Amino acid sequence: MTAFLASVANAQEAQAALEGGVDIIDAKDPRSALGALPQQTIASIVATVARIKPVSAVAGDIAFTPQATSAAIEALIPTGVDIIKLGVFAGHDPRVTIRALSSLARRTKLVAVLFADAGADFSLLDDLAAAGFAGAMLDTMNKARGRLLEHLDIPQLTRFVNECRAAGLWSGLAGSLEAPDAPRLCALAPDFLGFRGALCAGGRADALDAGAVKAIRDLIPRAAPTQASGNVDWRLLAARNFSSHRDTPSETDRVFLRDFIVSMSIGAYSHEIGARQRVRFNVEADVLRTTRTEDAFRDIFSYDIMIDAIRRLTGAGHVALVETLAQGVADATLADPRVKRVRVRVEKLDIVDGSVGVEIERARLRDHQQQPSLQSFVDPARMR
């Protein structure tokens, strides 16, 4: 399961975040990428949260040096926060600082923040794990230059989440995220998604808006009370939420993707390995329709889910068979509980004067048969 992190600027916002069902309360000055709040403000946030949820705090826009980071961490520990976030800013050798923080990583949970718009270096993940860091997250430094997904694509974000998992680190994704980003990024199974601007009615500098918090909360399904930890499939939880809003289960809408062409390495012949070929995808999904009348994004199955699945599969390396691609796209699409049937057509365009490929059709069986399990969720309670 993916946890919902919300950045708050004071105790009042922390209370609003708690009431909105946020999983992790993040103390941060929203006026900069990693702006630190006064220690007294952070302590008041911790007191307000009262151990109900984990509290994180940012160390500030400070140089990533052993002296500066150690001093900032030492100053934050007495506030009682559970997690301290450190920005890996350019200008100094990050590995020197990471190694120097190993003793502090044994005293408190540290999360390194890499910046997608400033050359995030994924090779640091093993160093962070070796030094005892609890996790790593991606964010954006300049909020005016676009969202996280405008700097790193789905295959790159998938790689980050997978490499964090392999290193034993929590993974977090943030960076001017908007409501439509939530279901797309939940599909990657990061340990948490971080929001600020999307939770405010007039921009990240404004106060949290209860309606905006609820809108994001609805897009990040949470574990049932009896499933506070362990393997939790957010798509099965979404199915329960969705079923309460429909009374005509036989009615479906058709969401489609047509003539989507990707250049990739594909083929079973030796001369095809490493060579690029154009592959065309056509996907149609029959989706249970909702009877809700309001314009609610949570009720929509987005075509982005299909596009992202194709990009993940084609970006993962050489694929021998078009059948493998087609089945992968079908599985990813059917992973959403609202999809009842999917048709996938995959064509290689550079083999003959025309196209060759495969078309498959798959239907949902039972939820327990159809839903693939996700990786273990990092329970927010364990982040304390």
Protein backbone atom coordinates (compact mmCIF):
# COMPACT_ATOMS: atom_id res chain seq x y z
CA MET A 1 0.00 0.00 0.00
CA THR A 2 1.13 3.54 -0.69
CA ALA A 3 0.94 6.05 2.15
CA PHE A 4 -0.32 9.63 1.75
CA LEU A 5 2.16 12.29 2.96
CA ALA A 6 1.00 15.88 3.33
CA SER A 7 3.30 18.83 4.02
CA VAL A 8 1.98 21.21 6.67
CA ALA A 9 3.20 24.62 7.83
CA ASN A 10 1.78 24.73 11.36
CA ALA A 11 -0.17 22.87 14.02
CA GLN A 12 -3.54 23.98 12.61
CA GLU A 13 -2.72 22.43 9.25
CA ALA A 14 -1.45 19.30 11.01
CA GLN A 15 -4.85 18.96 12.69
CA ALA A 16 -6.61 19.42 9.34
CA ALA A 17 -4.36 16.76 7.78
CA LEU A 18 -5.17 14.33 10.58
CA GLU A 19 -8.89 14.93 10.13
CA GLY A 20 -8.49 14.38 6.39
CA GLY A 21 -6.96 10.94 6.90
CA VAL A 22 -3.36 11.72 5.93
CA ASP A 23 -0.88 8.92 6.75
CA ILE A 24 2.30 10.96 7.32
CA ILE A 25 2.44 14.58 8.51
CA ASP A 26 5.41 16.44 7.00
CA ALA A 27 6.54 19.68 8.66
CA LYS A 28 7.84 22.01 5.96
CA ASP A 29 7.88 25.67 4.98
CA PRO A 30 6.07 25.56 1.60
CA ARG A 31 7.85 28.63 0.26
CA SER A 32 10.88 26.61 -0.87
CA ALA A 33 11.78 23.09 -1.93
CA LEU A 34 12.93 21.99 1.54
CA GLY A 35 12.26 25.01 3.70
CA ALA A 36 12.70 24.34 7.40
CA LEU A 37 10.15 25.51 9.95
CA PRO A 38 11.18 26.98 13.30
CA GLN A 39 11.88 24.29 15.88
CA GLN A 40 9.09 25.58 18.10
CA THR A 41 6.59 25.21 15.23
CA ILE A 42 7.79 21.67 14.54
CA ALA A 43 7.45 20.77 18.21
CA SER A 44 3.87 22.10 18.23
CA ILE A 45 3.07 19.98 15.16
CA VAL A 46 4.48 16.89 16.91
CA ALA A 47 2.39 17.68 20.00
CA THR A 48 -0.76 18.12 17.90
CA VAL A 49 -0.26 14.84 16.07
CA ALA A 50 0.35 13.16 19.43
CA ARG A 51 1.83 9.96 17.94
CA ILE A 52 -1.37 9.25 16.02
CA LYS A 53 0.64 9.36 12.78
CA PRO A 54 4.35 9.62 12.01
CA VAL A 55 5.75 13.14 11.67
CA SER A 56 8.59 14.04 9.34
CA ALA A 57 10.45 17.34 9.12
CA VAL A 58 12.86 18.77 6.58
CA ALA A 59 16.31 19.89 7.63
CA GLY A 60 16.19 22.96 5.38
CA ASP A 61 17.81 24.30 2.24
CA ILE A 62 21.29 23.69 3.58
CA ALA A 63 24.52 22.58 1.97
CA PHE A 64 24.83 18.80 1.86
CA THR A 65 28.03 18.69 3.90
CA PRO A 66 28.82 16.65 7.03
CA GLN A 67 28.94 19.74 9.25
CA ALA A 68 25.74 21.42 8.02
CA THR A 69 23.61 18.27 7.89
CA SER A 70 24.80 16.93 11.24
CA ALA A 71 24.01 20.24 12.94
CA ALA A 72 20.54 20.35 11.38
CA ILE A 73 19.75 16.78 12.43
CA GLU A 74 20.95 17.38 15.99
CA ALA A 75 18.71 20.43 16.18
CA LEU A 76 15.64 18.52 14.98
CA ILE A 77 15.95 15.40 17.14
CA PRO A 78 14.73 17.15 20.34
CA THR A 79 11.49 18.21 18.58
CA GLY A 80 10.35 14.58 18.64
CA VAL A 81 9.92 14.06 14.89
CA ASP A 82 9.98 10.48 13.64
CA ILE A 83 11.70 11.14 10.30
CA ILE A 84 14.18 13.79 9.13
CA LYS A 85 14.43 14.61 5.40
CA LEU A 86 17.70 15.86 3.93
CA GLY A 87 18.06 17.42 0.50
CA VAL A 88 20.99 16.10 -1.53
CA PHE A 89 21.97 19.43 -3.07
CA ALA A 90 24.71 19.73 -5.68
CA GLY A 91 28.08 21.32 -5.02
CA HIS A 92 29.68 18.77 -2.68
CA ASP A 93 30.57 15.09 -2.82
CA PRO A 94 27.36 13.48 -1.51
CA ARG A 95 28.99 10.19 -0.61
CA VAL A 96 31.28 11.86 1.92
CA THR A 97 28.28 13.33 3.72
CA ILE A 98 26.24 10.12 3.48
CA ARG A 99 29.03 8.13 5.14
CA ALA A 100 29.47 10.81 7.81
CA LEU A 101 25.81 10.53 8.80
CA SER A 102 25.86 6.80 9.55
CA SER A 103 26.04 7.32 13.34
CA LEU A 104 23.10 9.74 13.28
CA ALA A 105 21.14 7.31 11.08
CA ARG A 106 21.25 4.90 14.04
CA ARG A 107 19.61 7.51 16.28
CA THR A 108 16.80 8.69 14.01
CA LYS A 109 15.25 7.79 10.68
CA LEU A 110 16.81 9.73 7.80
CA VAL A 111 15.35 10.10 4.31
CA ALA A 112 17.44 11.55 1.49
CA VAL A 113 15.66 13.76 -1.03
CA LEU A 114 16.95 13.61 -4.61
CA PHE A 115 15.82 16.27 -7.07
CA ALA A 116 14.38 15.12 -10.38
CA ASP A 117 15.01 18.50 -12.00
CA ALA A 118 18.63 18.62 -10.84
CA GLY A 119 20.08 15.32 -12.01
CA ALA A 120 18.94 12.88 -9.33
CA ASP A 121 21.67 10.27 -8.98
CA PHE A 122 20.15 6.82 -8.42
CA SER A 123 23.60 5.34 -7.83
CA LEU A 124 23.52 6.93 -4.36
CA LEU A 125 20.81 4.53 -3.19
CA ASP A 126 23.25 1.77 -2.26
CA ASP A 127 25.38 4.28 -0.35
CA LEU A 128 22.31 5.49 1.54
CA ALA A 129 21.36 1.95 2.47
CA ALA A 130 24.92 1.14 3.59
CA ALA A 131 24.93 4.23 5.84
CA GLY A 132 21.68 3.17 7.49
CA PHE A 133 19.29 5.68 5.92
CA ALA A 134 15.66 4.67 6.19
CA GLY A 135 14.61 5.83 2.74
CA ALA A 136 14.96 8.04 -0.29
CA MET A 137 12.50 10.16 -2.20
CA LEU A 138 12.31 12.09 -5.43
CA ASP A 139 11.10 15.70 -5.44
CA THR A 140 11.47 18.80 -7.58
CA MET A 141 13.62 21.73 -6.58
CA ASN A 142 11.98 24.43 -8.72
CA LYS A 143 8.21 24.18 -8.33
CA ALA A 144 7.66 26.57 -11.25
CA ARG A 145 9.31 24.24 -13.75
CA GLY A 146 6.78 21.45 -13.79
CA ARG A 147 5.67 18.30 -12.04
CA LEU A 148 7.75 15.27 -11.22
CA LEU A 149 6.38 13.43 -14.27
CA GLU A 150 7.61 16.22 -16.52
CA HIS A 151 11.19 15.55 -15.44
CA LEU A 152 11.26 11.77 -15.09
CA ASP A 153 9.10 9.34 -17.04
CA ILE A 154 7.29 6.26 -15.79
CA PRO A 155 10.13 3.79 -16.58
CA GLN A 156 12.60 6.00 -14.69
CA LEU A 157 10.28 6.31 -11.69
CA THR A 158 9.67 2.55 -11.77
CA ARG A 159 13.42 2.00 -11.71
CA PHE A 160 13.79 4.33 -8.69
CA VAL A 161 11.07 2.54 -6.71
CA ASN A 162 12.46 -0.89 -7.59
CA GLU A 163 16.04 0.07 -6.75
CA CYS A 164 14.95 1.51 -3.39
CA ARG A 165 13.13 -1.72 -2.64
CA ALA A 166 16.15 -3.80 -3.62
CA ALA A 167 18.36 -1.70 -1.33
CA GLY A 168 15.93 -1.99 1.59
CA LEU A 169 14.97 1.69 1.50
CA TRP A 170 11.53 3.29 1.67
CA SER A 171 10.69 5.04 -1.58
CA GLY A 172 8.80 8.31 -1.85
CA LEU A 173 7.62 10.37 -4.83
CA ALA A 174 6.73 14.07 -4.69
CA GLY A 175 7.13 17.21 -6.75
CA SER A 176 4.12 19.40 -7.57
CA LEU A 177 1.97 16.28 -7.88
CA GLU A 178 -1.63 16.78 -8.97
CA ALA A 179 -4.73 14.63 -8.44
CA PRO A 180 -4.44 12.72 -11.77
CA ASP A 181 -0.89 11.70 -10.83
CA ALA A 182 -2.01 9.72 -7.78
CA PRO A 183 -3.47 6.59 -9.45
CA ARG A 184 -0.65 6.53 -11.99
CA LEU A 185 2.03 6.62 -9.30
CA CYS A 186 0.19 4.26 -6.95
CA ALA A 187 0.54 1.65 -9.70
CA LEU A 188 4.33 1.80 -9.16
CA ALA A 189 3.83 0.90 -5.45
CA PRO A 190 6.07 3.52 -3.84
CA ASP A 191 5.92 3.60 -0.06
CA PHE A 192 4.52 7.13 0.01
CA LEU A 193 3.37 9.97 -2.22
CA GLY A 194 3.96 13.55 -1.05
CA PHE A 195 1.60 16.47 -1.72
CA ARG A 196 1.36 20.16 -0.89
CA GLY A 197 0.11 22.40 -3.72
CA ALA A 198 -2.71 20.01 -4.68
CA LEU A 199 -3.99 20.22 -1.09
CA CYS A 200 -4.41 24.00 -1.14
CA ALA A 201 -7.22 25.90 -2.85
CA GLY A 202 -5.01 28.70 -4.18
CA GLY A 203 -1.49 27.29 -4.38
CA ARG A 204 1.12 25.77 -2.09
CA ALA A 205 1.54 28.95 0.00
CA ASP A 206 -2.15 28.92 0.99
CA ALA A 207 -3.58 26.93 3.90
CA LEU A 208 -4.69 23.34 3.46
CA ASP A 209 -8.18 22.97 2.04
CA ALA A 210 -10.27 20.16 3.56
CA GLY A 211 -11.98 19.36 0.25
CA ALA A 212 -8.67 19.14 -1.59
CA VAL A 213 -7.21 16.86 1.09
CA LYS A 214 -10.23 14.58 0.83
CA ALA A 215 -9.95 14.48 -2.97
CA ILE A 216 -6.36 13.20 -2.78
CA ARG A 217 -7.20 10.84 0.10
CA ASP A 218 -9.89 9.24 -2.08
CA LEU A 219 -7.31 8.59 -4.81
CA ILE A 220 -4.83 6.78 -2.55
CA PRO A 221 -6.70 3.76 -1.17
CA ARG A 222 -5.78 2.83 2.36
CA ALA A 223 -5.70 -0.45 4.25
CA ALA A 224 -8.77 -1.61 6.09
CA PRO A 225 -8.48 -1.42 9.91
CA THR A 226 -7.64 -5.11 10.08
CA GLN A 227 -4.89 -4.68 7.46
CA ALA A 228 -2.70 -2.03 8.99
CA SER A 229 0.38 -3.75 7.65
CA GLY A 230 1.50 -6.61 5.46
CA ASN A 231 0.61 -7.23 1.82
CA VAL A 232 -2.22 -4.87 0.91
CA ASP A 233 -3.43 -4.55 -2.67
CA TRP A 234 -4.63 -0.98 -3.21
CA ARG A 235 -6.58 -2.08 -6.29
CA LEU A 236 -8.76 -4.48 -4.29
CA LEU A 237 -9.45 -1.70 -1.82
CA ALA A 238 -10.39 0.59 -4.68
CA ALA A 239 -12.85 -2.04 -5.88
CA ARG A 240 -14.66 -1.91 -2.54
CA ASN A 241 -14.84 1.87 -2.68
CA PHE A 242 -16.02 1.83 -6.29
CA SER A 243 -18.71 -0.80 -5.79
CA SER A 244 -20.60 1.44 -3.37
CA HIS A 245 -21.12 4.04 -6.09
CA ARG A 246 -22.73 1.91 -8.80
CA ASP A 247 -26.01 0.08 -9.07
CA THR A 248 -25.83 -1.10 -12.70
CA PRO A 249 -22.86 -3.49 -12.79
CA SER A 250 -23.64 -4.61 -16.35
CA GLU A 251 -23.11 -1.15 -17.85
CA THR A 252 -19.63 -0.38 -19.13
CA ASP A 253 -17.80 2.42 -20.88
CA ARG A 254 -15.00 1.77 -23.34
CA VAL A 255 -11.68 3.51 -22.76
CA PHE A 256 -9.29 3.18 -25.67
CA LEU A 257 -5.76 3.94 -26.82
CA ARG A 258 -5.22 3.89 -30.56
CA ASP A 259 -2.13 3.84 -32.76
CA PHE A 260 0.35 4.47 -29.96
CA ILE A 261 3.81 3.87 -31.47
CA VAL A 262 6.95 3.17 -29.44
CA SER A 263 10.51 2.56 -30.63
CA MET A 264 11.96 -0.38 -28.71
CA SER A 265 14.22 -3.43 -28.82
CA ILE A 266 12.10 -6.48 -29.65
CA GLY A 267 12.44 -9.79 -31.44
CA ALA A 268 13.63 -13.38 -31.06
CA TYR A 269 16.32 -13.22 -33.77
CA SER A 270 19.89 -12.34 -32.82
CA HIS A 271 19.99 -9.44 -35.27
CA GLU A 272 16.99 -7.89 -33.51
CA ILE A 273 18.62 -7.75 -30.09
CA GLY A 274 19.74 -4.19 -29.41
CA ALA A 275 18.14 -2.85 -32.58
CA ARG A 276 15.23 -0.43 -32.41
CA GLN A 277 11.91 -1.21 -34.08
CA ARG A 278 8.62 0.63 -34.20
CA VAL A 279 5.81 -1.16 -32.35
CA ARG A 280 2.19 -0.02 -32.48
CA PHE A 281 -0.26 -0.58 -29.63
CA ASN A 282 -4.05 -0.48 -29.69
CA VAL A 283 -5.85 -1.12 -26.40
CA GLU A 284 -9.56 -1.13 -25.53
CA ALA A 285 -10.81 -1.58 -21.98
CA ASP A 286 -14.43 -2.19 -20.96
CA VAL A 287 -14.81 -0.32 -17.68
CA LEU A 288 -17.66 -0.48 -15.19
CA ARG A 289 -19.43 2.85 -15.30
CA THR A 290 -20.35 4.87 -12.27
CA THR A 291 -23.77 6.33 -11.58
CA ARG A 292 -22.34 9.30 -9.74
CA THR A 293 -23.25 12.59 -11.36
CA GLU A 294 -20.52 14.86 -10.04
CA ASP A 295 -17.30 15.34 -11.95
CA ALA A 296 -15.17 13.15 -9.65
CA PHE A 297 -11.74 12.09 -10.91
CA ARG A 298 -11.69 9.16 -8.48
CA ASP A 299 -14.43 7.45 -10.51
CA ILE A 300 -12.49 7.60 -13.78
CA PHE A 301 -10.27 4.91 -15.26
CA SER A 302 -7.63 6.98 -17.05
CA TYR A 303 -6.05 6.04 -20.36
CA ASP A 304 -2.78 7.10 -18.69
CA ILE A 305 -2.82 3.73 -16.90
CA MET A 306 -2.55 1.93 -20.25
CA ILE A 307 0.07 4.34 -21.60
CA ASP A 308 2.17 4.01 -18.44
CA ALA A 309 1.98 0.21 -18.59
CA ILE A 310 3.27 0.23 -22.16
CA ARG A 311 6.09 2.61 -21.26
CA ARG A 312 7.10 0.48 -18.28
CA LEU A 313 7.17 -2.70 -20.36
CA THR A 314 8.95 -1.21 -23.37
CA GLY A 315 11.42 0.68 -21.19
CA ALA A 316 12.50 -2.35 -19.16
CA GLY A 317 14.84 -3.75 -21.82
CA HIS A 318 14.71 -6.19 -24.73
CA VAL A 319 11.50 -8.17 -25.22
CA ALA A 320 11.60 -11.31 -27.32
CA LEU A 321 7.91 -11.75 -28.17
CA VAL A 322 5.02 -9.45 -29.01
CA GLU A 323 2.83 -11.91 -27.09
CA THR A 324 4.76 -11.02 -23.92
CA LEU A 325 4.05 -7.34 -24.47
CA ALA A 326 0.38 -7.91 -25.17
CA GLN A 327 -0.10 -10.05 -22.06
CA GLY A 328 1.76 -7.53 -19.92
CA VAL A 329 -0.45 -4.67 -21.07
CA ALA A 330 -3.57 -6.77 -20.50
CA ASP A 331 -2.47 -7.75 -16.98
CA ALA A 332 -1.66 -4.15 -16.05
CA THR A 333 -5.01 -2.93 -17.35
CA LEU A 334 -7.01 -5.66 -15.64
CA ALA A 335 -5.22 -4.88 -12.38
CA ASP A 336 -7.68 -2.03 -11.98
CA PRO A 337 -10.83 -3.57 -10.45
CA ARG A 338 -13.14 -1.49 -12.64
CA VAL A 339 -11.89 -3.09 -15.87
CA LYS A 340 -13.93 -6.15 -16.89
CA ARG A 341 -12.41 -6.93 -20.28
CA VAL A 342 -9.46 -5.72 -22.34
CA ARG A 343 -8.36 -6.17 -25.94
CA VAL A 344 -4.72 -5.56 -26.83
CA ARG A 345 -3.22 -5.45 -30.33
CA VAL A 346 0.57 -5.24 -30.71
CA GLU A 347 2.13 -4.82 -34.17
CA LYS A 348 5.72 -4.70 -35.38
CA LEU A 349 5.89 -2.14 -38.18
CA ASP A 350 9.40 -2.62 -39.59
CA ILE A 351 9.34 -6.31 -40.55
CA VAL A 352 7.27 -6.28 -43.76
CA ASP A 353 5.49 -3.76 -45.95
CA GLY A 354 2.58 -3.65 -43.53
CA SER A 355 2.53 -5.01 -40.00
CA VAL A 356 2.75 -8.29 -38.10
CA GLY A 357 1.77 -8.97 -34.53
CA VAL A 358 -0.82 -10.36 -32.20
CA GLU A 359 -4.20 -9.40 -30.79
CA ILE A 360 -5.46 -10.82 -27.50
CA GLU A 361 -8.59 -10.46 -25.42
CA ARG A 362 -8.68 -11.08 -21.69
CA ALA A 363 -11.58 -10.88 -19.23
CA ARG A 364 -11.66 -10.55 -15.46
CA LEU A 365 -12.28 -13.82 -13.65
CA ARG A 366 -12.61 -13.38 -9.89
CA ASP A 367 -10.88 -10.62 -8.01
CA HIS A 368 -8.76 -13.08 -6.04
CA GLN A 369 -7.65 -14.74 -9.29
CA GLN A 370 -7.11 -11.60 -11.28
CA GLN A 371 -5.34 -9.28 -8.88
CA PRO A 372 -1.55 -9.56 -8.74
CA SER A 373 -0.09 -8.95 -5.31
CA LEU A 374 2.02 -5.89 -4.62
CA GLN A 375 5.23 -5.65 -2.67
CA SER A 376 4.95 -5.31 1.10
CA PHE A 377 3.74 -1.92 2.21
CA VAL A 378 5.86 0.08 4.61
CA ASP A 379 3.35 0.64 7.40
CA PRO A 380 3.46 4.31 8.51
CA ALA A 381 3.39 3.04 12.10
CA ARG A 382 6.79 1.44 11.47
CA MET A 383 8.19 4.78 10.33
CA ARG A 384 8.24 5.98 13.93
